[in-house]
């Protein structure tokens, strides 16, 4: 596999974001699935199913090294932070 690959579609969910999604005033619903994943619902549909605890950055970096990925473009998937009430949005 060639070196220097860039993964342009990777998601990351900071603890502060997941905490905001869990709040009763977030406008979102959530539950913990049988396999331990946090499931966040947006408009009644699954928006995210995140392992708990979320593997750390060291784990992510080790996996990247394993497959010769040099960099990742990280984003939060759904629900987008702009769906949260303004006081809860992560700057």
C-alpha atoms as a PDB file:
ATOM      1  CA  UNK A   1       0.000   0.000   0.000  1.00  0.00           C
ATOM      2  CA  UNK A   2       1.486   3.394  -0.905  1.00  0.00           C
ATOM      3  CA  UNK A   3       2.568   5.712   1.901  1.00  0.00           C
ATOM      4  CA  UNK A   4       1.022   9.119   2.374  1.00  0.00           C
ATOM      5  CA  UNK A   5      -2.629   8.149   1.997  1.00  0.00           C
ATOM      6  CA  UNK A   6      -5.204  10.647   3.263  1.00  0.00           C
ATOM      7  CA  UNK A   7      -8.529   9.417   4.635  1.00  0.00           C
ATOM      8  CA  UNK A   8     -11.021  12.162   3.754  1.00  0.00           C
ATOM      9  CA  UNK A   9     -14.071  10.570   5.407  1.00  0.00           C
ATOM     10  CA  UNK A  10     -13.559   9.916   9.116  1.00  0.00           C
ATOM     11  CA  UNK A  11     -15.779  10.810  12.036  1.00  0.00           C
ATOM     12  CA  UNK A  12     -14.803  11.791  15.546  1.00  0.00           C
ATOM     13  CA  UNK A  13     -17.086  12.506  18.461  1.00  0.00           C
ATOM     14  CA  UNK A  14     -15.411  14.535  21.242  1.00  0.00           C
ATOM     15  CA  UNK A  15     -16.706  13.828  24.748  1.00  0.00           C
ATOM     16  CA  UNK A  16     -18.020  17.404  24.978  1.00  0.00           C
ATOM     17  CA  UNK A  17     -20.143  16.808  21.860  1.00  0.00           C
ATOM     18  CA  UNK A  18     -21.522  13.482  23.125  1.00  0.00           C
ATOM     19  CA  UNK A  19     -22.255  15.076  26.519  1.00  0.00           C
ATOM     20  CA  UNK A  20     -24.215  17.833  24.739  1.00  0.00           C
ATOM     21  CA  UNK A  21     -26.183  15.218  22.748  1.00  0.00           C
ATOM     22  CA  UNK A  22     -27.124  13.431  26.002  1.00  0.00           C
ATOM     23  CA  UNK A  23     -28.473  16.547  27.719  1.00  0.00           C
ATOM     24  CA  UNK A  24     -32.248  16.709  28.223  1.00  0.00           C
ATOM     25  CA  UNK A  25     -32.291  20.201  26.692  1.00  0.00           C
ATOM     26  CA  UNK A  26     -30.393  19.095  23.556  1.00  0.00           C
ATOM     27  CA  UNK A  27     -33.542  18.497  21.523  1.00  0.00           C
ATOM     28  CA  UNK A  28     -32.237  14.998  20.774  1.00  0.00           C
ATOM     29  CA  UNK A  29     -33.116  11.587  22.162  1.00  0.00           C
ATOM     30  CA  UNK A  30     -30.575   8.908  23.019  1.00  0.00           C
ATOM     31  CA  UNK A  31     -30.201   5.426  24.459  1.00  0.00           C
ATOM     32  CA  UNK A  32     -27.477   2.837  25.032  1.00  0.00           C
ATOM     33  CA  UNK A  33     -27.688  -0.155  22.696  1.00  0.00           C
ATOM     34  CA  UNK A  34     -27.114  -3.732  23.939  1.00  0.00           C
ATOM     35  CA  UNK A  35     -23.558  -3.672  22.552  1.00  0.00           C
ATOM     36  CA  UNK A  36     -22.793  -0.530  24.592  1.00  0.00           C
ATOM     37  CA  UNK A  37     -22.995   2.008  21.757  1.00  0.00           C
ATOM     38  CA  UNK A  38     -24.544   5.389  22.444  1.00  0.00           C
ATOM     39  CA  UNK A  39     -27.345   5.865  19.915  1.00  0.00           C
ATOM     40  CA  UNK A  40     -28.433   9.448  19.224  1.00  0.00           C
ATOM     41  CA  UNK A  41     -31.761  10.016  17.513  1.00  0.00           C
ATOM     42  CA  UNK A  42     -32.507  13.057  15.371  1.00  0.00           C
ATOM     43  CA  UNK A  43     -36.097  13.549  14.224  1.00  0.00           C
ATOM     44  CA  UNK A  44     -36.862   9.986  15.333  1.00  0.00           C
ATOM     45  CA  UNK A  45     -34.120   8.371  13.227  1.00  0.00           C
ATOM     46  CA  UNK A  46     -30.688   7.083  14.219  1.00  0.00           C
ATOM     47  CA  UNK A  47     -28.174   9.862  13.604  1.00  0.00           C
ATOM     48  CA  UNK A  48     -25.182   8.305  15.367  1.00  0.00           C
ATOM     49  CA  UNK A  49     -24.229   5.014  16.997  1.00  0.00           C
ATOM     50  CA  UNK A  50     -20.969   5.620  18.838  1.00  0.00           C
ATOM     51  CA  UNK A  51     -18.909   2.992  20.734  1.00  0.00           C
ATOM     52  CA  UNK A  52     -18.676   3.670  24.469  1.00  0.00           C
ATOM     53  CA  UNK A  53     -16.101   4.356  25.559  1.00  0.00           C
ATOM     54  CA  UNK A  54     -14.929   5.805  22.273  1.00  0.00           C
ATOM     55  CA  UNK A  55     -11.471   4.430  21.388  1.00  0.00           C
ATOM     56  CA  UNK A  56      -8.778   7.022  22.064  1.00  0.00           C
ATOM     57  CA  UNK A  57      -6.583   8.868  19.602  1.00  0.00           C
ATOM     58  CA  UNK A  58      -3.695   6.467  20.244  1.00  0.00           C
ATOM     59  CA  UNK A  59      -5.891   3.639  18.958  1.00  0.00           C
ATOM     60  CA  UNK A  60      -6.915   5.683  15.894  1.00  0.00           C
ATOM     61  CA  UNK A  61      -3.280   6.554  15.126  1.00  0.00           C
ATOM     62  CA  UNK A  62      -2.204   2.914  15.487  1.00  0.00           C
ATOM     63  CA  UNK A  63      -4.903   1.814  13.017  1.00  0.00           C
ATOM     64  CA  UNK A  64      -3.851   4.551  10.602  1.00  0.00           C
ATOM     65  CA  UNK A  65      -0.220   3.360  10.804  1.00  0.00           C
ATOM     66  CA  UNK A  66      -1.359  -0.219  10.205  1.00  0.00           C
ATOM     67  CA  UNK A  67      -2.897   0.718   6.829  1.00  0.00           C
ATOM     68  CA  UNK A  68      -0.435   3.479   5.841  1.00  0.00           C
ATOM     69  CA  UNK A  69      -2.836   6.391   6.296  1.00  0.00           C
ATOM     70  CA  UNK A  70      -0.800   9.522   6.955  1.00  0.00           C
ATOM     71  CA  UNK A  71      -3.679  11.905   7.742  1.00  0.00           C
ATOM     72  CA  UNK A  72      -7.411  11.913   8.331  1.00  0.00           C
ATOM     73  CA  UNK A  73      -9.956  14.659   7.773  1.00  0.00           C
ATOM     74  CA  UNK A  74     -12.126  14.413  10.892  1.00  0.00           C
ATOM     75  CA  UNK A  75     -15.689  15.613  11.144  1.00  0.00           C
ATOM     76  CA  UNK A  76     -18.686  15.156  13.358  1.00  0.00           C
ATOM     77  CA  UNK A  77     -21.368  13.347  11.412  1.00  0.00           C
ATOM     78  CA  UNK A  78     -25.047  13.608  12.256  1.00  0.00           C
ATOM     79  CA  UNK A  79     -26.482  15.179  14.220  1.00  0.00           C
ATOM     80  CA  UNK A  80     -24.697  18.313  13.157  1.00  0.00           C
ATOM     81  CA  UNK A  81     -23.779  20.662  16.002  1.00  0.00           C
ATOM     82  CA  UNK A  82     -26.087  23.278  14.496  1.00  0.00           C
ATOM     83  CA  UNK A  83     -29.054  21.058  15.419  1.00  0.00           C
ATOM     84  CA  UNK A  84     -28.232  21.643  19.086  1.00  0.00           C
ATOM     85  CA  UNK A  85     -29.642  24.701  20.862  1.00  0.00           C
ATOM     86  CA  UNK A  86     -27.228  27.653  20.497  1.00  0.00           C
ATOM     87  CA  UNK A  87     -25.986  27.556  24.133  1.00  0.00           C
ATOM     88  CA  UNK A  88     -24.931  23.879  23.716  1.00  0.00           C
ATOM     89  CA  UNK A  89     -23.055  24.190  20.432  1.00  0.00           C
ATOM     90  CA  UNK A  90     -19.404  23.301  20.594  1.00  0.00           C
ATOM     91  CA  UNK A  91     -17.358  26.266  19.267  1.00  0.00           C
END
